[in-house]
Amino acid sequence: MTTPHRAAGTHLLADLSGIAPALLADCGRIEALLRDAALAAGARIVHSHFHPFGPGLGVTGVVLLAESHISVHTWPEHGFAAVDIFMCGAAAPQRALDVLREALAPRTCTVRSLQRGVDESATR
């Protein structure tokens, strides 16, 4: 017997490569970019926290959303950013990713998309 499943949201995992290193080392710019991406997706920002690892080094950070989160880890020395976008409700995670791709102009972008949800029978 199959159990009912209701998708709670879409989770995008994106590997962006071939990005200009300077775009990945500026903590303030990365935070502003992720916040802009969240707003473009129609999400509501609850809080954000970003940490720079030093001049020319990477940034890690998260924007907490009422609809879930967007997080990033950057490696300027490799021109690489790992992005995690999970949104539920009416928010549109693909719009957030489009904003990031436009701003960072990666040479390649590999995306995995997962539908996340709850097993309806587990809540009874």
PDB file of N, CA and C in Angstrom:
ATOM      1  N   MET A   1       0.852  -1.187   0.000  1.00  0.00           N
ATOM      2  CA  MET A   1       0.000   0.000   0.000  1.00  0.00           C
ATOM      3  C   MET A   1       0.891   1.241   0.000  1.00  0.00           C
ATOM      4  N   THR A   2       0.570   2.181  -0.842  1.00  0.00           N
ATOM      5  CA  THR A   2       1.341   3.423  -0.909  1.00  0.00           C
ATOM      6  C   THR A   2       0.808   4.413   0.115  1.00  0.00           C
ATOM      7  N   THR A   3       1.743   5.135   0.726  1.00  0.00           N
ATOM      8  CA  THR A   3       1.322   6.144   1.699  1.00  0.00           C
ATOM      9  C   THR A   3       1.173   7.486   1.005  1.00  0.00           C
ATOM     10  N   PRO A   4       0.196   8.285   1.398  1.00  0.00           N
ATOM     11  CA  PRO A   4       0.020   9.607   0.798  1.00  0.00           C
ATOM     12  C   PRO A   4       1.237  10.487   1.085  1.00  0.00           C
ATOM     13  N   HIS A   5       1.582  11.302   0.121  1.00  0.00           N
ATOM     14  CA  HIS A   5       2.731  12.196   0.271  1.00  0.00           C
ATOM     15  C   HIS A   5       2.328  13.585  -0.214  1.00  0.00           C
ATOM     16  N   ARG A   6       2.622  14.575   0.582  1.00  0.00           N
ATOM     17  CA  ARG A   6       2.327  15.957   0.220  1.00  0.00           C
ATOM     18  C   ARG A   6       3.644  16.722   0.196  1.00  0.00           C
ATOM     19  N   ALA A   7       3.993  17.299  -0.946  1.00  0.00           N
ATOM     20  CA  ALA A   7       5.239  18.057  -1.045  1.00  0.00           C
ATOM     21  C   ALA A   7       5.145  19.311  -0.186  1.00  0.00           C
ATOM     22  N   ALA A   8       6.134  19.495   0.671  1.00  0.00           N
ATOM     23  CA  ALA A   8       6.176  20.688   1.514  1.00  0.00           C
ATOM     24  C   ALA A   8       6.947  21.802   0.836  1.00  0.00           C
ATOM     25  N   GLY A   9       7.793  21.464  -0.126  1.00  0.00           N
ATOM     26  CA  GLY A   9       8.554  22.501  -0.792  1.00  0.00           C
ATOM     27  C   GLY A   9       9.569  21.926  -1.747  1.00  0.00           C
ATOM     28  N   THR A  10      10.228  22.837  -2.446  1.00  0.00           N
ATOM     29  CA  THR A  10      11.256  22.462  -3.407  1.00  0.00           C
ATOM     30  C   THR A  10      12.614  22.829  -2.846  1.00  0.00           C
ATOM     31  N   HIS A  11      13.543  21.884  -2.945  1.00  0.00           N
ATOM     32  CA  HIS A  11      14.904  22.067  -2.448  1.00  0.00           C
ATOM     33  C   HIS A  11      15.841  21.995  -3.651  1.00  0.00           C
ATOM     34  N   LEU A  12      16.517  23.110  -3.958  1.00  0.00           N
ATOM     35  CA  LEU A  12      17.479  23.153  -5.051  1.00  0.00           C
ATOM     36  C   LEU A  12      18.888  23.122  -4.479  1.00  0.00           C
ATOM     37  N   LEU A  13      19.710  22.238  -4.990  1.00  0.00           N
ATOM     38  CA  LEU A  13      21.125  22.168  -4.633  1.00  0.00           C
ATOM     39  C   LEU A  13      21.891  22.529  -5.896  1.00  0.00           C
ATOM     40  N   ALA A  14      22.624  23.645  -5.855  1.00  0.00           N
ATOM     41  CA  ALA A  14      23.295  24.127  -7.056  1.00  0.00           C
ATOM     42  C   ALA A  14      24.798  24.251  -6.831  1.00  0.00           C
ATOM     43  N   ASP A  15      25.554  23.699  -7.777  1.00  0.00           N
ATOM     44  CA  ASP A  15      27.011  23.845  -7.806  1.00  0.00           C
ATOM     45  C   ASP A  15      27.327  24.797  -8.949  1.00  0.00           C
ATOM     46  N   LEU A  16      27.859  25.972  -8.601  1.00  0.00           N
ATOM     47  CA  LEU A  16      28.189  26.989  -9.591  1.00  0.00           C
ATOM     48  C   LEU A  16      29.706  27.074  -9.710  1.00  0.00           C
ATOM     49  N   SER A  17      30.222  26.877 -10.918  1.00  0.00           N
ATOM     50  CA  SER A  17      31.672  26.861 -11.154  1.00  0.00           C
ATOM     51  C   SER A  17      32.057  27.870 -12.216  1.00  0.00           C
ATOM     52  N   GLY A  18      33.335  28.253 -12.188  1.00  0.00           N
ATOM     53  CA  GLY A  18      33.843  29.190 -13.180  1.00  0.00           C
ATOM     54  C   GLY A  18      33.408  30.617 -12.907  1.00  0.00           C
ATOM     55  N   ILE A  19      33.364  30.972 -11.631  1.00  0.00           N
ATOM     56  CA  ILE A  19      32.959  32.313 -11.212  1.00  0.00           C
ATOM     57  C   ILE A  19      34.205  33.149 -10.933  1.00  0.00           C
ATOM     58  N   ALA A  20      34.182  34.418 -11.290  1.00  0.00           N
ATOM     59  CA  ALA A  20      35.302  35.318 -11.004  1.00  0.00           C
ATOM     60  C   ALA A  20      35.546  35.336  -9.486  1.00  0.00           C
ATOM     61  N   PRO A  21      36.761  35.050  -9.033  1.00  0.00           N
ATOM     62  CA  PRO A  21      37.055  34.963  -7.596  1.00  0.00           C
ATOM     63  C   PRO A  21      36.618  36.181  -6.779  1.00  0.00           C
ATOM     64  N   ALA A  22      36.765  37.377  -7.323  1.00  0.00           N
ATOM     65  CA  ALA A  22      36.396  38.590  -6.572  1.00  0.00           C
ATOM     66  C   ALA A  22      34.918  38.594  -6.201  1.00  0.00           C
ATOM     67  N   LEU A  23      34.085  37.964  -6.999  1.00  0.00           N
ATOM     68  CA  LEU A  23      32.643  37.923  -6.717  1.00  0.00           C
ATOM     69  C   LEU A  23      32.316  37.023  -5.542  1.00  0.00           C
ATOM     70  N   LEU A  24      33.229  36.125  -5.194  1.00  0.00           N
ATOM     71  CA  LEU A  24      32.961  35.133  -4.158  1.00  0.00           C
ATOM     72  C   LEU A  24      33.611  35.446  -2.816  1.00  0.00           C
ATOM     73  N   ALA A  25      34.397  36.513  -2.745  1.00  0.00           N
ATOM     74  CA  ALA A  25      35.138  36.822  -1.522  1.00  0.00           C
ATOM     75  C   ALA A  25      34.564  37.995  -0.732  1.00  0.00           C
ATOM     76  N   ASP A  26      33.639  38.726  -1.312  1.00  0.00           N
ATOM     77  CA  ASP A  26      33.078  39.923  -0.667  1.00  0.00           C
ATOM     78  C   ASP A  26      31.832  39.543   0.140  1.00  0.00           C
ATOM     79  N   CYS A  27      32.002  39.442   1.439  1.00  0.00           N
ATOM     80  CA  CYS A  27      30.935  38.971   2.322  1.00  0.00           C
ATOM     81  C   CYS A  27      29.679  39.843   2.220  1.00  0.00           C
ATOM     82  N   GLY A  28      29.836  41.143   2.255  1.00  0.00           N
ATOM     83  CA  GLY A  28      28.685  42.048   2.179  1.00  0.00           C
ATOM     84  C   GLY A  28      27.932  41.901   0.874  1.00  0.00           C
ATOM     85  N   ARG A  29      28.674  41.741  -0.215  1.00  0.00           N
ATOM     86  CA  ARG A  29      28.053  41.584  -1.525  1.00  0.00           C
ATOM     87  C   ARG A  29      27.303  40.252  -1.616  1.00  0.00           C
ATOM     88  N   ILE A  30      27.895  39.198  -1.089  1.00  0.00           N
ATOM     89  CA  ILE A  30      27.244  37.878  -1.112  1.00  0.00           C
ATOM     90  C   ILE A  30      25.953  37.912  -0.288  1.00  0.00           C
ATOM     91  N   GLU A  31      26.013  38.550   0.890  1.00  0.00           N
ATOM     92  CA  GLU A  31      24.801  38.642   1.715  1.00  0.00           C
ATOM     93  C   GLU A  31      23.705  39.414   0.996  1.00  0.00           C
ATOM     94  N   ALA A  32      24.062  40.558   0.416  1.00  0.00           N
ATOM     95  CA  ALA A  32      23.073  41.368  -0.302  1.00  0.00           C
ATOM     96  C   ALA A  32      22.480  40.575  -1.472  1.00  0.00           C
ATOM     97  N   LEU A  33      23.314  39.817  -2.153  1.00  0.00           N
ATOM     98  CA  LEU A  33      22.854  39.021  -3.290  1.00  0.00           C
ATOM     99  C   LEU A  33      21.852  37.950  -2.859  1.00  0.00           C
ATOM    100  N   LEU A  34      22.149  37.232  -1.783  1.00  0.00           N
ATOM    101  CA  LEU A  34      21.220  36.201  -1.326  1.00  0.00           C
ATOM    102  C   LEU A  34      19.919  36.800  -0.805  1.00  0.00           C
ATOM    103  N   ARG A  35      20.008  37.954  -0.169  1.00  0.00           N
ATOM    104  CA  ARG A  35      18.794  38.623   0.296  1.00  0.00           C
ATOM    105  C   ARG A  35      17.942  39.071  -0.901  1.00  0.00           C
ATOM    106  N   ASP A  36      18.595  39.621  -1.932  1.00  0.00           N
ATOM    107  CA  ASP A  36      17.879  40.016  -3.153  1.00  0.00           C
ATOM    108  C   ASP A  36      17.226  38.806  -3.812  1.00  0.00           C
ATOM    109  N   ALA A  37      17.953  37.678  -3.821  1.00  0.00           N
ATOM    110  CA  ALA A  37      17.420  36.455  -4.421  1.00  0.00           C
ATOM    111  C   ALA A  37      16.170  35.990  -3.674  1.00  0.00           C
ATOM    112  N   ALA A  38      16.222  36.051  -2.359  1.00  0.00           N
ATOM    113  CA  ALA A  38      15.071  35.642  -1.549  1.00  0.00           C
ATOM    114  C   ALA A  38      13.852  36.513  -1.861  1.00  0.00           C
ATOM    115  N   LEU A  39      14.062  37.815  -1.930  1.00  0.00           N
ATOM    116  CA  LEU A  39      12.954  38.727  -2.220  1.00  0.00           C
ATOM    117  C   LEU A  39      12.401  38.496  -3.619  1.00  0.00           C
ATOM    118  N   ALA A  40      13.293  38.249  -4.588  1.00  0.00           N
ATOM    119  CA  ALA A  40      12.845  37.992  -5.965  1.00  0.00           C
ATOM    120  C   ALA A  40      11.988  36.725  -6.034  1.00  0.00           C
ATOM    121  N   ALA A  41      12.247  35.788  -5.128  1.00  0.00           N
ATOM    122  CA  ALA A  41      11.486  34.535  -5.096  1.00  0.00           C
ATOM    123  C   ALA A  41      10.155  34.687  -4.370  1.00  0.00           C
ATOM    124  N   GLY A  42       9.921  35.859  -3.780  1.00  0.00           N
ATOM    125  CA  GLY A  42       8.686  36.072  -3.045  1.00  0.00           C
ATOM    126  C   GLY A  42       8.734  35.545  -1.621  1.00  0.00           C
ATOM    127  N   ALA A  43       9.940  35.332  -1.109  1.00  0.00           N
ATOM    128  CA  ALA A  43      10.104  34.824   0.254  1.00  0.00           C
ATOM    129  C   ALA A  43      10.206  35.977   1.257  1.00  0.00           C
ATOM    130  N   ARG A  44       9.925  35.656   2.513  1.00  0.00           N
ATOM    131  CA  ARG A  44      10.003  36.642   3.597  1.00  0.00           C
ATOM    132  C   ARG A  44      11.233  36.350   4.452  1.00  0.00           C
ATOM    133  N   ILE A  45      12.134  37.335   4.514  1.00  0.00           N
ATOM    134  CA  ILE A  45      13.391  37.178   5.253  1.00  0.00           C
ATOM    135  C   ILE A  45      13.145  37.320   6.746  1.00  0.00           C
ATOM    136  N   VAL A  46      13.637  36.352   7.505  1.00  0.00           N
ATOM    137  CA  VAL A  46      13.533  36.371   8.964  1.00  0.00           C
ATOM    138  C   VAL A  46      14.828  36.898   9.566  1.00  0.00           C
ATOM    139  N   HIS A  47      15.961  36.415   9.064  1.00  0.00           N
ATOM    140  CA  HIS A  47      17.275  36.800   9.596  1.00  0.00           C
ATOM    141  C   HIS A  47      18.347  36.324   8.617  1.00  0.00           C
ATOM    142  N   SER A  48      19.515  36.929   8.688  1.00  0.00           N
ATOM    143  CA  SER A  48      20.636  36.403   7.898  1.00  0.00           C
ATOM    144  C   SER A  48      21.915  36.501   8.714  1.00  0.00           C
ATOM    145  N   HIS A  49      22.828  35.594   8.425  1.00  0.00           N
ATOM    146  CA  HIS A  49      24.138  35.600   9.095  1.00  0.00           C
ATOM    147  C   HIS A  49      25.177  35.097   8.101  1.00  0.00           C
ATOM    148  N   PHE A  50      26.249  35.862   7.936  1.00  0.00           N
ATOM    149  CA  PHE A  50      27.318  35.528   7.000  1.00  0.00           C
ATOM    150  C   PHE A  50      28.661  35.681   7.686  1.00  0.00           C
ATOM    151  N   HIS A  51      29.600  34.826   7.290  1.00  0.00           N
ATOM    152  CA  HIS A  51      30.932  34.848   7.893  1.00  0.00           C
ATOM    153  C   HIS A  51      31.996  34.826   6.799  1.00  0.00           C
ATOM    154  N   PRO A  52      32.889  35.852   6.789  1.00  0.00           N
ATOM    155  CA  PRO A  52      34.011  35.844   5.851  1.00  0.00           C
ATOM    156  C   PRO A  52      35.191  35.109   6.481  1.00  0.00           C
ATOM    157  N   PHE A  53      35.967  34.415   5.673  1.00  0.00           N
ATOM    158  CA  PHE A  53      37.121  33.689   6.198  1.00  0.00           C
ATOM    159  C   PHE A  53      38.428  34.448   6.030  1.00  0.00           C
ATOM    160  N   GLY A  54      38.352  35.702   5.609  1.00  0.00           N
ATOM    161  CA  GLY A  54      39.540  36.543   5.484  1.00  0.00           C
ATOM    162  C   GLY A  54      39.686  37.084   4.072  1.00  0.00           C
ATOM    163  N   PRO A  55      40.608  38.024   3.901  1.00  0.00           N
ATOM    164  CA  PRO A  55      40.808  38.648   2.583  1.00  0.00           C
ATOM    165  C   PRO A  55      41.090  37.610   1.490  1.00  0.00           C
ATOM    166  N   GLY A  56      40.295  37.678   0.436  1.00  0.00           N
ATOM    167  CA  GLY A  56      40.470  36.779  -0.696  1.00  0.00           C
ATOM    168  C   GLY A  56      39.977  35.359  -0.465  1.00  0.00           C
ATOM    169  N   LEU A  57      39.472  35.095   0.740  1.00  0.00           N
ATOM    170  CA  LEU A  57      38.996  33.754   1.063  1.00  0.00           C
ATOM    171  C   LEU A  57      37.478  33.695   0.953  1.00  0.00           C
ATOM    172  N   GLY A  58      36.919  32.545   1.205  1.00  0.00           N
ATOM    173  CA  GLY A  58      35.494  32.317   1.012  1.00  0.00           C
ATOM    174  C   GLY A  58      34.589  32.912   2.056  1.00  0.00           C
ATOM    175  N   VAL A  59      33.318  32.723   1.812  1.00  0.00           N
ATOM    176  CA  VAL A  59      32.237  33.218   2.654  1.00  0.00           C
ATOM    177  C   VAL A  59      31.274  32.055   2.871  1.00  0.00           C
ATOM    178  N   THR A  60      30.723  31.983   4.060  1.00  0.00           N
ATOM    179  CA  THR A  60      29.632  31.048   4.301  1.00  0.00           C
ATOM    180  C   THR A  60      28.498  31.833   4.930  1.00  0.00           C
ATOM    181  N   GLY A  61      27.285  31.512   4.569  1.00  0.00           N
ATOM    182  CA  GLY A  61      26.180  32.265   5.139  1.00  0.00           C
ATOM    183  C   GLY A  61      24.835  31.662   4.840  1.00  0.00           C
ATOM    184  N   VAL A  62      23.861  32.181   5.575  1.00  0.00           N
ATOM    185  CA  VAL A  62      22.489  31.694   5.425  1.00  0.00           C
ATOM    186  C   VAL A  62      21.513  32.855   5.581  1.00  0.00           C
ATOM    187  N   VAL A  63      20.468  32.808   4.762  1.00  0.00           N
ATOM    188  CA  VAL A  63      19.330  33.710   4.915  1.00  0.00           C
ATOM    189  C   VAL A  63      18.179  32.821   5.366  1.00  0.00           C
ATOM    190  N   LEU A  64      17.717  33.052   6.590  1.00  0.00           N
ATOM    191  CA  LEU A  64      16.582  32.295   7.113  1.00  0.00           C
ATOM    192  C   LEU A  64      15.306  32.936   6.602  1.00  0.00           C
ATOM    193  N   LEU A  65      14.414  32.115   6.127  1.00  0.00           N
ATOM    194  CA  LEU A  65      13.172  32.597   5.532  1.00  0.00           C
ATOM    195  C   LEU A  65      11.978  32.029   6.272  1.00  0.00           C
ATOM    196  N   ALA A  66      10.878  32.724   6.238  1.00  0.00           N
ATOM    197  CA  ALA A  66       9.636  32.158   6.768  1.00  0.00           C
ATOM    198  C   ALA A  66       9.322  30.883   5.988  1.00  0.00           C
ATOM    199  N   GLU A  67       9.774  30.826   4.728  1.00  0.00           N
ATOM    200  CA  GLU A  67       9.536  29.678   3.859  1.00  0.00           C
ATOM    201  C   GLU A  67      10.678  28.659   3.895  1.00  0.00           C
ATOM    202  N   SER A  68      11.724  28.862   4.637  1.00  0.00           N
ATOM    203  CA  SER A  68      12.855  27.962   4.886  1.00  0.00           C
ATOM    204  C   SER A  68      14.178  28.703   4.834  1.00  0.00           C
ATOM    205  N   HIS A  69      15.029  28.499   3.769  1.00  0.00           N
ATOM    206  CA  HIS A  69      16.356  29.120   3.796  1.00  0.00           C
ATOM    207  C   HIS A  69      17.025  29.143   2.424  1.00  0.00           C
ATOM    208  N   ILE A  70      18.050  29.990   2.335  1.00  0.00           N
ATOM    209  CA  ILE A  70      19.028  29.969   1.242  1.00  0.00           C
ATOM    210  C   ILE A  70      20.388  30.005   1.932  1.00  0.00           C
ATOM    211  N   SER A  71      21.281  29.089   1.568  1.00  0.00           N
ATOM    212  CA  SER A  71      22.634  29.129   2.136  1.00  0.00           C
ATOM    213  C   SER A  71      23.662  29.053   1.022  1.00  0.00           C
ATOM    214  N   VAL A  72      24.886  29.504   1.353  1.00  0.00           N
ATOM    215  CA  VAL A  72      25.967  29.489   0.369  1.00  0.00           C
ATOM    216  C   VAL A  72      27.286  29.237   1.074  1.00  0.00           C
ATOM    217  N   HIS A  73      28.169  28.560   0.361  1.00  0.00           N
ATOM    218  CA  HIS A  73      29.560  28.383   0.776  1.00  0.00           C
ATOM    219  C   HIS A  73      30.370  28.682  -0.473  1.00  0.00           C
ATOM    220  N   THR A  74      31.355  29.603  -0.374  1.00  0.00           N
ATOM    221  CA  THR A  74      32.135  29.977  -1.553  1.00  0.00           C
ATOM    222  C   THR A  74      33.605  29.615  -1.381  1.00  0.00           C
ATOM    223  N   TRP A  75      34.232  29.304  -2.502  1.00  0.00           N
ATOM    224  CA  TRP A  75      35.658  29.037  -2.576  1.00  0.00           C
ATOM    225  C   TRP A  75      36.214  29.870  -3.730  1.00  0.00           C
ATOM    226  N   PRO A  76      36.593  31.141  -3.457  1.00  0.00           N
ATOM    227  CA  PRO A  76      37.100  32.004  -4.527  1.00  0.00           C
ATOM    228  C   PRO A  76      38.315  31.400  -5.239  1.00  0.00           C
ATOM    229  N   GLU A  77      39.160  30.720  -4.477  1.00  0.00           N
ATOM    230  CA  GLU A  77      40.376  30.146  -5.071  1.00  0.00           C
ATOM    231  C   GLU A  77      40.068  29.072  -6.115  1.00  0.00           C
ATOM    232  N   HIS A  78      38.836  28.565  -6.102  1.00  0.00           N
ATOM    233  CA  HIS A  78      38.411  27.568  -7.083  1.00  0.00           C
ATOM    234  C   HIS A  78      37.290  28.082  -7.987  1.00  0.00           C
ATOM    235  N   GLY A  79      36.865  29.346  -7.771  1.00  0.00           N
ATOM    236  CA  GLY A  79      35.772  29.905  -8.563  1.00  0.00           C
ATOM    237  C   GLY A  79      34.476  29.143  -8.397  1.00  0.00           C
ATOM    238  N   PHE A  80      34.247  28.644  -7.172  1.00  0.00           N
ATOM    239  CA  PHE A  80      33.130  27.740  -6.927  1.00  0.00           C
ATOM    240  C   PHE A  80      32.232  28.225  -5.792  1.00  0.00           C
ATOM    241  N   ALA A  81      30.926  28.028  -5.956  1.00  0.00           N
ATOM    242  CA  ALA A  81      29.953  28.308  -4.898  1.00  0.00           C
ATOM    243  C   ALA A  81      28.962  27.154  -4.822  1.00  0.00           C
ATOM    244  N   ALA A  82      28.705  26.694  -3.598  1.00  0.00           N
ATOM    245  CA  ALA A  82      27.688  25.671  -3.344  1.00  0.00           C
ATOM    246  C   ALA A  82      26.484  26.397  -2.745  1.00  0.00           C
ATOM    247  N   VAL A  83      25.351  26.287  -3.404  1.00  0.00           N
ATOM    248  CA  VAL A  83      24.144  27.007  -2.996  1.00  0.00           C
ATOM    249  C   VAL A  83      23.037  26.005  -2.678  1.00  0.00           C
ATOM    250  N   ASP A  84      22.317  26.291  -1.598  1.00  0.00           N
ATOM    251  CA  ASP A  84      21.226  25.441  -1.131  1.00  0.00           C
ATOM    252  C   ASP A  84      19.998  26.346  -0.978  1.00  0.00           C
ATOM    253  N   ILE A  85      18.957  26.071  -1.728  1.00  0.00           N
ATOM    254  CA  ILE A  85      17.735  26.882  -1.677  1.00  0.00           C
ATOM    255  C   ILE A  85      16.566  25.950  -1.377  1.00  0.00           C
ATOM    256  N   PHE A  86      15.934  26.157  -0.241  1.00  0.00           N
ATOM    257  CA  PHE A  86      14.748  25.359   0.107  1.00  0.00           C
ATOM    258  C   PHE A  86      13.627  26.325   0.430  1.00  0.00           C
ATOM    259  N   MET A  87      12.526  26.202  -0.299  1.00  0.00           N
ATOM    260  CA  MET A  87      11.382  27.087  -0.100  1.00  0.00           C
ATOM    261  C   MET A  87      10.082  26.310  -0.204  1.00  0.00           C
ATOM    262  N   CYS A  88       9.144  26.695   0.639  1.00  0.00           N
ATOM    263  CA  CYS A  88       7.815  26.098   0.596  1.00  0.00           C
ATOM    264  C   CYS A  88       6.795  27.200   0.334  1.00  0.00           C
ATOM    265  N   GLY A  89       5.549  26.823   0.317  1.00  0.00           N
ATOM    266  CA  GLY A  89       4.488  27.806   0.091  1.00  0.00           C
ATOM    267  C   GLY A  89       4.543  28.358  -1.324  1.00  0.00           C
ATOM    268  N   ALA A  90       4.209  29.623  -1.457  1.00  0.00           N
ATOM    269  CA  ALA A  90       4.141  30.260  -2.775  1.00  0.00           C
ATOM    270  C   ALA A  90       5.494  30.764  -3.268  1.00  0.00           C
ATOM    271  N   ALA A  91       6.544  30.682  -2.443  1.00  0.00           N
ATOM    272  CA  ALA A  91       7.870  31.154  -2.851  1.00  0.00           C
ATOM    273  C   ALA A  91       8.372  30.319  -4.029  1.00  0.00           C
ATOM    274  N   ALA A  92       9.171  30.953  -4.892  1.00  0.00           N
ATOM    275  CA  ALA A  92       9.652  30.320  -6.123  1.00  0.00           C
ATOM    276  C   ALA A  92      11.176  30.199  -6.096  1.00  0.00           C
ATOM    277  N   PRO A  93      11.700  29.055  -5.644  1.00  0.00           N
ATOM    278  CA  PRO A  93      13.151  28.902  -5.520  1.00  0.00           C
ATOM    279  C   PRO A  93      13.916  29.076  -6.827  1.00  0.00           C
ATOM    280  N   GLN A  94      13.315  28.722  -7.948  1.00  0.00           N
ATOM    281  CA  GLN A  94      14.012  28.883  -9.226  1.00  0.00           C
ATOM    282  C   GLN A  94      14.302  30.353  -9.505  1.00  0.00           C
ATOM    283  N   ARG A  95      13.394  31.243  -9.104  1.00  0.00           N
ATOM    284  CA  ARG A  95      13.631  32.687  -9.283  1.00  0.00           C
ATOM    285  C   ARG A  95      14.852  33.128  -8.480  1.00  0.00           C
ATOM    286  N   ALA A  96      15.003  32.587  -7.274  1.00  0.00           N
ATOM    287  CA  ALA A  96      16.174  32.926  -6.458  1.00  0.00           C
ATOM    288  C   ALA A  96      17.444  32.460  -7.158  1.00  0.00           C
ATOM    289  N   LEU A  97      17.432  31.253  -7.672  1.00  0.00           N
ATOM    290  CA  LEU A  97      18.604  30.731  -8.370  1.00  0.00           C
ATOM    291  C   LEU A  97      18.912  31.557  -9.616  1.00  0.00           C
ATOM    292  N   ASP A  98      17.894  31.990 -10.330  1.00  0.00           N
ATOM    293  CA  ASP A  98      18.096  32.815 -11.522  1.00  0.00           C
ATOM    294  C   ASP A  98      18.822  34.116 -11.167  1.00  0.00           C
ATOM    295  N   VAL A  99      18.462  34.727 -10.041  1.00  0.00           N
ATOM    296  CA  VAL A  99      19.121  35.961  -9.595  1.00  0.00           C
ATOM    297  C   VAL A  99      20.600  35.690  -9.306  1.00  0.00           C
ATOM    298  N   LEU A 100      20.882  34.583  -8.631  1.00  0.00           N
ATOM    299  CA  LEU A 100      22.266  34.238  -8.308  1.00  0.00           C
ATOM    300  C   LEU A 100      23.078  33.968  -9.578  1.00  0.00           C
ATOM    301  N   ARG A 101      22.506  33.244 -10.504  1.00  0.00           N
ATOM    302  CA  ARG A 101      23.218  32.939 -11.750  1.00  0.00           C
ATOM    303  C   ARG A 101      23.495  34.205 -12.556  1.00  0.00           C
ATOM    304  N   GLU A 102      22.535  35.099 -12.591  1.00  0.00           N
ATOM    305  CA  GLU A 102      22.719  36.354 -13.329  1.00  0.00           C
ATOM    306  C   GLU A 102      23.859  37.174 -12.727  1.00  0.00           C
ATOM    307  N   ALA A 103      23.908  37.270 -11.415  1.00  0.00           N
ATOM    308  CA  ALA A 103      24.919  38.097 -10.739  1.00  0.00           C
ATOM    309  C   ALA A 103      26.312  37.462 -10.739  1.00  0.00           C
ATOM    310  N   LEU A 104      26.379  36.141 -10.583  1.00  0.00           N
ATOM    311  CA  LEU A 104      27.682  35.476 -10.461  1.00  0.00           C
ATOM    312  C   LEU A 104      28.240  34.998 -11.803  1.00  0.00           C
ATOM    313  N   ALA A 105      27.390  34.877 -12.806  1.00  0.00           N
ATOM    314  CA  ALA A 105      27.788  34.470 -14.158  1.00  0.00           C
ATOM    315  C   ALA A 105      28.713  33.255 -14.160  1.00  0.00           C
ATOM    316  N   PRO A 106      28.263  32.141 -13.571  1.00  0.00           N
ATOM    317  CA  PRO A 106      29.116  30.951 -13.564  1.00  0.00           C
ATOM    318  C   PRO A 106      29.263  30.370 -14.977  1.00  0.00           C
ATOM    319  N   ARG A 107      30.397  29.749 -15.218  1.00  0.00           N
ATOM    320  CA  ARG A 107      30.606  29.058 -16.497  1.00  0.00           C
ATOM    321  C   ARG A 107      29.685  27.838 -16.573  1.00  0.00           C
ATOM    322  N   THR A 108      29.529  27.142 -15.430  1.00  0.00           N
ATOM    323  CA  THR A 108      28.626  26.001 -15.373  1.00  0.00           C
ATOM    324  C   THR A 108      27.780  26.063 -14.103  1.00  0.00           C
ATOM    325  N   CYS A 109      26.612  25.481 -14.195  1.00  0.00           N
ATOM    326  CA  CYS A 109      25.718  25.402 -13.038  1.00  0.00           C
ATOM    327  C   CYS A 109      25.006  24.056 -13.091  1.00  0.00           C
ATOM    328  N   THR A 110      25.268  23.234 -12.090  1.00  0.00           N
ATOM    329  CA  THR A 110      24.624  21.939 -11.991  1.00  0.00           C
ATOM    330  C   THR A 110      23.604  22.013 -10.864  1.00  0.00           C
ATOM    331  N   VAL A 111      22.363  21.665 -11.158  1.00  0.00           N
ATOM    332  CA  VAL A 111      21.282  21.794 -10.175  1.00  0.00           C
ATOM    333  C   VAL A 111      20.607  20.449  -9.967  1.00  0.00           C
ATOM    334  N   ARG A 112      20.411  20.116  -8.702  1.00  0.00           N
ATOM    335  CA  ARG A 112      19.585  18.961  -8.338  1.00  0.00           C
ATOM    336  C   ARG A 112      18.359  19.510  -7.630  1.00  0.00           C
ATOM    337  N   SER A 113      17.202  19.013  -8.001  1.00  0.00           N
ATOM    338  CA  SER A 113      15.952  19.490  -7.424  1.00  0.00           C
ATOM    339  C   SER A 113      15.259  18.339  -6.706  1.00  0.00           C
ATOM    340  N   LEU A 114      14.854  18.592  -5.474  1.00  0.00           N
ATOM    341  CA  LEU A 114      14.159  17.596  -4.672  1.00  0.00           C
ATOM    342  C   LEU A 114      12.832  18.167  -4.206  1.00  0.00           C
ATOM    343  N   GLN A 115      11.801  17.349  -4.248  1.00  0.00           N
ATOM    344  CA  GLN A 115      10.518  17.738  -3.646  1.00  0.00           C
ATOM    345  C   GLN A 115      10.522  17.187  -2.235  1.00  0.00           C
ATOM    346  N   ARG A 116      10.428  18.068  -1.261  1.00  0.00           N
ATOM    347  CA  ARG A 116      10.463  17.652   0.143  1.00  0.00           C
ATOM    348  C   ARG A 116       9.053  17.691   0.686  1.00  0.00           C
ATOM    349  N   GLY A 117       8.751  16.808   1.609  1.00  0.00           N
ATOM    350  CA  GLY A 117       7.396  16.806   2.158  1.00  0.00           C
ATOM    351  C   GLY A 117       7.275  15.966   3.388  1.00  0.00           C
ATOM    352  N   VAL A 118       6.053  15.683   3.696  1.00  0.00           N
ATOM    353  CA  VAL A 118       5.756  14.872   4.877  1.00  0.00           C
ATOM    354  C   VAL A 118       4.897  13.698   4.465  1.00  0.00           C
ATOM    355  N   ASP A 119       5.093  12.605   5.140  1.00  0.00           N
ATOM    356  CA  ASP A 119       4.253  11.430   4.952  1.00  0.00           C
ATOM    357  C   ASP A 119       2.985  11.668   5.765  1.00  0.00           C
ATOM    358  N   GLU A 120       1.865  11.827   5.075  1.00  0.00           N
ATOM    359  CA  GLU A 120       0.600  12.135   5.746  1.00  0.00           C
ATOM    360  C   GLU A 120       0.248  11.099   6.813  1.00  0.00           C
ATOM    361  N   SER A 121       0.591   9.841   6.585  1.00  0.00           N
ATOM    362  CA  SER A 121       0.232   8.802   7.546  1.00  0.00           C
ATOM    363  C   SER A 121       1.050   8.905   8.835  1.00  0.00           C
ATOM    364  N   ALA A 122       2.217   9.557   8.783  1.00  0.00           N
ATOM    365  CA  ALA A 122       3.067   9.673   9.971  1.00  0.00           C
ATOM    366  C   ALA A 122       2.527  10.690  10.965  1.00  0.00           C
ATOM    367  N   THR A 123       1.626  11.566  10.511  1.00  0.00           N
ATOM    368  CA  THR A 123       1.097  12.614  11.392  1.00  0.00           C
ATOM    369  C   THR A 123      -0.192  12.188  12.093  1.00  0.00           C
ATOM    370  N   ARG A 124      -0.638  10.981  11.847  1.00  0.00           N
ATOM    371  CA  ARG A 124      -1.919  10.532  12.448  1.00  0.00           C
ATOM    372  C   ARG A 124      -1.696   9.815  13.738  1.00  0.00           C
TER     373      ARG A 124
END
